Amino acid sequence: METIRDMSWMRQLLYGKVLEKFSFGSFSVVSLELEHEKHGFKDPYRYRILFFPKNDSKPVLAMNMESTILGTHNLTEHAGNNHRNFGPVEESFGYQDFKSWALERAQEEITD
């Protein structure tokens, strides 16, 4: 798999709140909670889960709960140079709901 082109993950690892670190198949995973604006950056993500191949420092997949300009949230995915939008979710869609969706979706994308 190709490294994601959205390089904001580096800043997010530095400034975001790490919720979990775990393994998923042959990948190391970091789950983040991000504030919309912190340290002068406007971050479009509420939650983001990054998938790193073992022994690699760059993620190949990011599953996101992304804010829209209207203040709602969409579920999105970054893989390589591709950005996919899976549509809106309710404000009540919490981290556990997001994580369940993200891991199910990642299973479809990642092949061991």
N, C-alpha and C. Protein backbone atom coordinates (compact mmCIF):
# COMPACT_ATOMS: atom_id res chain seq x y z
N MET A 1 0.84 -1.19 0.00
CA MET A 1 0.00 0.00 0.00
C MET A 1 0.88 1.24 0.00
N GLU A 2 0.37 2.27 -0.59
CA GLU A 2 1.08 3.54 -0.72
C GLU A 2 0.84 4.44 0.51
N THR A 3 1.85 5.18 0.92
CA THR A 3 1.73 6.12 2.04
C THR A 3 0.67 7.16 1.75
N ILE A 4 -0.10 7.55 2.77
CA ILE A 4 -1.12 8.57 2.55
C ILE A 4 -0.45 9.90 2.21
N ARG A 5 -1.08 10.66 1.32
CA ARG A 5 -0.52 11.93 0.87
C ARG A 5 -0.84 13.09 1.82
N ASP A 6 -1.87 12.94 2.62
CA ASP A 6 -2.25 13.97 3.58
C ASP A 6 -1.24 13.93 4.72
N MET A 7 -0.30 14.86 4.71
CA MET A 7 0.80 14.85 5.67
C MET A 7 0.44 15.48 7.02
N SER A 8 -0.81 15.88 7.21
CA SER A 8 -1.21 16.48 8.48
C SER A 8 -1.08 15.50 9.64
N TRP A 9 -0.98 14.22 9.38
CA TRP A 9 -0.87 13.22 10.43
C TRP A 9 0.35 13.46 11.33
N MET A 10 1.42 14.04 10.77
CA MET A 10 2.62 14.29 11.58
C MET A 10 2.31 15.32 12.67
N ARG A 11 1.65 16.40 12.31
CA ARG A 11 1.28 17.43 13.28
C ARG A 11 0.26 16.87 14.27
N GLN A 12 -0.66 16.05 13.78
CA GLN A 12 -1.70 15.50 14.64
C GLN A 12 -1.13 14.55 15.69
N LEU A 13 -0.11 13.78 15.33
CA LEU A 13 0.54 12.92 16.31
C LEU A 13 1.22 13.75 17.40
N LEU A 14 1.72 14.91 17.02
CA LEU A 14 2.39 15.78 17.97
C LEU A 14 1.41 16.50 18.90
N TYR A 15 0.31 17.00 18.35
CA TYR A 15 -0.61 17.83 19.12
C TYR A 15 -1.92 17.15 19.53
N GLY A 16 -2.25 16.04 18.89
CA GLY A 16 -3.50 15.37 19.21
C GLY A 16 -3.40 14.55 20.47
N LYS A 17 -4.56 14.13 20.96
CA LYS A 17 -4.63 13.27 22.13
C LYS A 17 -4.66 11.82 21.64
N VAL A 18 -3.65 11.05 22.01
CA VAL A 18 -3.61 9.63 21.64
C VAL A 18 -4.60 8.89 22.53
N LEU A 19 -5.60 8.27 21.91
CA LEU A 19 -6.61 7.52 22.65
C LEU A 19 -6.17 6.07 22.86
N GLU A 20 -5.57 5.50 21.82
CA GLU A 20 -5.16 4.09 21.89
C GLU A 20 -4.01 3.84 20.93
N LYS A 21 -3.23 2.83 21.25
CA LYS A 21 -2.24 2.25 20.34
C LYS A 21 -2.48 0.75 20.40
N PHE A 22 -2.58 0.11 19.23
CA PHE A 22 -2.83 -1.33 19.21
C PHE A 22 -2.40 -1.91 17.87
N SER A 23 -2.39 -3.22 17.78
CA SER A 23 -2.07 -3.92 16.53
C SER A 23 -3.36 -4.32 15.85
N PHE A 24 -3.32 -4.32 14.53
CA PHE A 24 -4.45 -4.73 13.71
C PHE A 24 -3.87 -5.50 12.54
N GLY A 25 -3.94 -6.82 12.62
CA GLY A 25 -3.28 -7.64 11.61
C GLY A 25 -1.79 -7.36 11.63
N SER A 26 -1.22 -7.02 10.49
CA SER A 26 0.21 -6.73 10.41
C SER A 26 0.50 -5.23 10.51
N PHE A 27 -0.44 -4.47 11.08
CA PHE A 27 -0.30 -3.02 11.18
C PHE A 27 -0.25 -2.57 12.64
N SER A 28 0.48 -1.50 12.87
CA SER A 28 0.45 -0.78 14.13
C SER A 28 -0.54 0.37 13.94
N VAL A 29 -1.38 0.59 14.95
CA VAL A 29 -2.47 1.56 14.81
C VAL A 29 -2.38 2.58 15.94
N VAL A 30 -2.63 3.84 15.58
CA VAL A 30 -2.72 4.92 16.55
C VAL A 30 -4.06 5.61 16.35
N SER A 31 -4.79 5.75 17.43
CA SER A 31 -6.09 6.40 17.40
C SER A 31 -5.97 7.75 18.10
N LEU A 32 -6.46 8.81 17.43
CA LEU A 32 -6.32 10.18 17.93
C LEU A 32 -7.65 10.88 18.09
N GLU A 33 -7.72 11.75 19.09
CA GLU A 33 -8.81 12.70 19.21
C GLU A 33 -8.19 14.08 19.00
N LEU A 34 -8.81 14.86 18.13
CA LEU A 34 -8.23 16.15 17.76
C LEU A 34 -9.18 17.28 18.07
N GLU A 35 -8.62 18.36 18.57
CA GLU A 35 -9.42 19.56 18.79
C GLU A 35 -9.49 20.31 17.47
N HIS A 36 -10.64 20.95 17.23
CA HIS A 36 -10.83 21.65 15.95
C HIS A 36 -9.73 22.69 15.73
N GLU A 37 -9.38 23.43 16.75
CA GLU A 37 -8.32 24.43 16.61
C GLU A 37 -7.41 24.36 17.82
N LYS A 38 -6.16 24.06 17.56
CA LYS A 38 -5.18 23.97 18.64
C LYS A 38 -3.82 24.37 18.08
N HIS A 39 -3.08 25.11 18.83
CA HIS A 39 -1.75 25.55 18.43
C HIS A 39 -1.77 26.30 17.10
N GLY A 40 -2.85 27.03 16.84
CA GLY A 40 -2.94 27.85 15.63
C GLY A 40 -3.35 27.09 14.38
N PHE A 41 -3.60 25.79 14.49
CA PHE A 41 -4.01 25.00 13.33
C PHE A 41 -5.49 24.68 13.42
N LYS A 42 -6.19 24.80 12.31
CA LYS A 42 -7.59 24.37 12.25
C LYS A 42 -7.61 22.96 11.70
N ASP A 43 -7.95 22.04 12.55
CA ASP A 43 -7.94 20.63 12.16
C ASP A 43 -9.35 20.19 11.80
N PRO A 44 -9.55 19.58 10.63
CA PRO A 44 -10.89 19.18 10.23
C PRO A 44 -11.38 17.89 10.87
N TYR A 45 -10.54 17.21 11.66
CA TYR A 45 -10.90 15.91 12.19
C TYR A 45 -11.29 15.97 13.66
N ARG A 46 -12.27 15.18 14.00
CA ARG A 46 -12.61 14.97 15.42
C ARG A 46 -11.85 13.74 15.92
N TYR A 47 -11.93 12.66 15.14
CA TYR A 47 -11.19 11.43 15.44
C TYR A 47 -10.45 11.00 14.18
N ARG A 48 -9.31 10.35 14.39
CA ARG A 48 -8.54 9.83 13.27
C ARG A 48 -7.81 8.58 13.73
N ILE A 49 -7.87 7.54 12.92
CA ILE A 49 -7.14 6.31 13.20
C ILE A 49 -6.16 6.09 12.06
N LEU A 50 -4.88 6.00 12.41
CA LEU A 50 -3.80 5.85 11.43
C LEU A 50 -3.26 4.42 11.47
N PHE A 51 -3.06 3.84 10.30
CA PHE A 51 -2.57 2.47 10.16
C PHE A 51 -1.17 2.50 9.55
N PHE A 52 -0.20 2.02 10.33
CA PHE A 52 1.20 1.99 9.91
C PHE A 52 1.62 0.54 9.67
N PRO A 53 2.22 0.24 8.52
CA PRO A 53 2.79 -1.10 8.38
C PRO A 53 3.85 -1.30 9.47
N LYS A 54 3.92 -2.50 10.01
CA LYS A 54 4.93 -2.77 11.05
C LYS A 54 6.30 -2.38 10.50
N ASN A 55 7.13 -1.78 11.34
CA ASN A 55 8.48 -1.35 10.98
C ASN A 55 8.50 -0.23 9.94
N ASP A 56 7.43 0.57 9.87
CA ASP A 56 7.40 1.72 8.97
C ASP A 56 6.88 2.92 9.76
N SER A 57 7.39 4.08 9.46
CA SER A 57 7.01 5.27 10.22
C SER A 57 5.99 6.15 9.50
N LYS A 58 5.44 5.66 8.39
CA LYS A 58 4.47 6.44 7.63
C LYS A 58 3.19 5.62 7.45
N PRO A 59 2.03 6.24 7.72
CA PRO A 59 0.77 5.49 7.60
C PRO A 59 0.35 5.30 6.13
N VAL A 60 -0.31 4.18 5.89
CA VAL A 60 -0.82 3.90 4.56
C VAL A 60 -2.34 4.05 4.50
N LEU A 61 -2.98 4.19 5.66
CA LEU A 61 -4.43 4.31 5.71
C LEU A 61 -4.80 5.18 6.90
N ALA A 62 -5.77 6.07 6.68
CA ALA A 62 -6.32 6.88 7.77
C ALA A 62 -7.83 6.85 7.66
N MET A 63 -8.47 6.49 8.75
CA MET A 63 -9.93 6.53 8.84
C MET A 63 -10.27 7.74 9.70
N ASN A 64 -11.24 8.53 9.25
CA ASN A 64 -11.47 9.83 9.86
C ASN A 64 -12.93 10.11 10.15
N MET A 65 -13.16 10.87 11.21
CA MET A 65 -14.44 11.53 11.44
C MET A 65 -14.13 13.00 11.21
N GLU A 66 -14.56 13.50 10.07
CA GLU A 66 -14.12 14.79 9.54
C GLU A 66 -15.24 15.83 9.61
N SER A 67 -14.89 17.03 10.06
CA SER A 67 -15.86 18.12 10.14
C SER A 67 -16.11 18.71 8.75
N THR A 68 -17.33 19.20 8.55
CA THR A 68 -17.66 19.91 7.31
C THR A 68 -17.74 21.40 7.61
N ILE A 69 -17.83 22.20 6.58
CA ILE A 69 -17.94 23.65 6.79
C ILE A 69 -19.26 24.02 7.43
N LEU A 70 -20.22 23.11 7.44
CA LEU A 70 -21.52 23.36 8.06
C LEU A 70 -21.56 22.92 9.52
N GLY A 71 -20.44 22.39 10.03
CA GLY A 71 -20.38 21.98 11.42
C GLY A 71 -20.86 20.56 11.68
N THR A 72 -21.16 19.81 10.64
CA THR A 72 -21.54 18.41 10.77
C THR A 72 -20.28 17.55 10.58
N HIS A 73 -20.44 16.22 10.67
CA HIS A 73 -19.29 15.32 10.51
C HIS A 73 -19.59 14.26 9.46
N ASN A 74 -18.56 13.92 8.70
CA ASN A 74 -18.61 12.84 7.72
C ASN A 74 -17.56 11.80 8.09
N LEU A 75 -17.82 10.56 7.71
CA LEU A 75 -16.82 9.51 7.81
C LEU A 75 -16.04 9.50 6.51
N THR A 76 -14.70 9.57 6.62
CA THR A 76 -13.86 9.62 5.43
C THR A 76 -12.67 8.68 5.59
N GLU A 77 -12.00 8.46 4.47
CA GLU A 77 -10.85 7.56 4.43
C GLU A 77 -9.78 8.17 3.53
N HIS A 78 -8.53 8.09 3.95
CA HIS A 78 -7.39 8.42 3.11
C HIS A 78 -6.59 7.14 2.89
N ALA A 79 -6.31 6.84 1.65
CA ALA A 79 -5.45 5.71 1.30
C ALA A 79 -4.61 6.16 0.11
N GLY A 80 -3.31 6.26 0.30
CA GLY A 80 -2.45 6.79 -0.76
C GLY A 80 -2.87 8.21 -1.10
N ASN A 81 -3.20 8.44 -2.34
CA ASN A 81 -3.62 9.76 -2.82
C ASN A 81 -5.14 9.89 -2.86
N ASN A 82 -5.85 8.88 -2.41
CA ASN A 82 -7.31 8.87 -2.51
C ASN A 82 -7.97 9.33 -1.21
N HIS A 83 -9.04 10.08 -1.38
CA HIS A 83 -9.85 10.54 -0.24
C HIS A 83 -11.28 10.15 -0.57
N ARG A 84 -11.88 9.30 0.28
CA ARG A 84 -13.26 8.86 0.08
C ARG A 84 -14.15 9.37 1.19
N ASN A 85 -15.34 9.81 0.81
CA ASN A 85 -16.33 10.30 1.76
C ASN A 85 -17.45 9.29 1.83
N PHE A 86 -17.75 8.80 3.05
CA PHE A 86 -18.80 7.81 3.26
C PHE A 86 -20.09 8.42 3.79
N GLY A 87 -20.13 9.75 3.85
CA GLY A 87 -21.37 10.42 4.23
C GLY A 87 -21.43 10.85 5.68
N PRO A 88 -22.51 11.52 6.03
CA PRO A 88 -22.63 12.14 7.35
C PRO A 88 -22.97 11.15 8.46
N VAL A 89 -22.61 11.56 9.68
CA VAL A 89 -23.01 10.85 10.89
C VAL A 89 -23.59 11.88 11.86
N GLU A 90 -24.39 11.38 12.77
CA GLU A 90 -25.02 12.24 13.77
C GLU A 90 -23.97 12.75 14.78
N GLU A 91 -24.27 13.85 15.40
CA GLU A 91 -23.38 14.42 16.42
C GLU A 91 -23.15 13.43 17.56
N SER A 92 -24.13 12.58 17.83
CA SER A 92 -24.03 11.60 18.91
C SER A 92 -23.09 10.43 18.58
N PHE A 93 -22.60 10.35 17.35
CA PHE A 93 -21.69 9.29 16.92
C PHE A 93 -20.38 9.47 17.67
N GLY A 94 -20.15 8.63 18.67
CA GLY A 94 -18.99 8.77 19.55
C GLY A 94 -17.79 7.98 19.07
N TYR A 95 -16.76 8.00 19.90
CA TYR A 95 -15.51 7.35 19.53
C TYR A 95 -15.68 5.85 19.31
N GLN A 96 -16.40 5.15 20.19
CA GLN A 96 -16.55 3.70 20.03
C GLN A 96 -17.29 3.35 18.74
N ASP A 97 -18.29 4.15 18.39
CA ASP A 97 -19.00 3.96 17.11
C ASP A 97 -18.03 4.17 15.95
N PHE A 98 -17.26 5.24 16.04
CA PHE A 98 -16.28 5.55 14.99
C PHE A 98 -15.26 4.43 14.86
N LYS A 99 -14.71 3.98 15.98
CA LYS A 99 -13.70 2.93 15.96
C LYS A 99 -14.25 1.65 15.33
N SER A 100 -15.47 1.27 15.68
CA SER A 100 -16.08 0.07 15.10
C SER A 100 -16.19 0.21 13.59
N TRP A 101 -16.68 1.36 13.13
CA TRP A 101 -16.80 1.60 11.69
C TRP A 101 -15.42 1.55 11.03
N ALA A 102 -14.45 2.24 11.64
CA ALA A 102 -13.11 2.35 11.04
C ALA A 102 -12.44 0.99 10.91
N LEU A 103 -12.54 0.15 11.92
CA LEU A 103 -11.90 -1.15 11.86
C LEU A 103 -12.59 -2.07 10.86
N GLU A 104 -13.90 -1.98 10.78
CA GLU A 104 -14.62 -2.77 9.78
C GLU A 104 -14.22 -2.34 8.37
N ARG A 105 -14.16 -1.05 8.16
CA ARG A 105 -13.78 -0.51 6.85
C ARG A 105 -12.31 -0.84 6.54
N ALA A 106 -11.45 -0.70 7.53
CA ALA A 106 -10.03 -1.00 7.32
C ALA A 106 -9.83 -2.46 6.93
N GLN A 107 -10.61 -3.35 7.53
CA GLN A 107 -10.50 -4.77 7.19
C GLN A 107 -10.75 -5.00 5.71
N GLU A 108 -11.63 -4.21 5.12
CA GLU A 108 -11.90 -4.32 3.68
C GLU A 108 -10.76 -3.81 2.84
N GLU A 109 -9.99 -2.85 3.36
CA GLU A 109 -8.91 -2.22 2.60
C GLU A 109 -7.56 -2.91 2.76
N ILE A 110 -7.33 -3.45 3.93
CA ILE A 110 -5.99 -3.99 4.25
C ILE A 110 -5.98 -5.49 4.01
N THR A 111 -4.99 -5.91 3.27
CA THR A 111 -4.79 -7.35 3.07
C THR A 111 -3.46 -7.72 3.66
N ASP A 112 -3.45 -8.75 4.47
CA ASP A 112 -2.19 -9.22 5.08
C ASP A 112 -1.38 -10.02 4.10
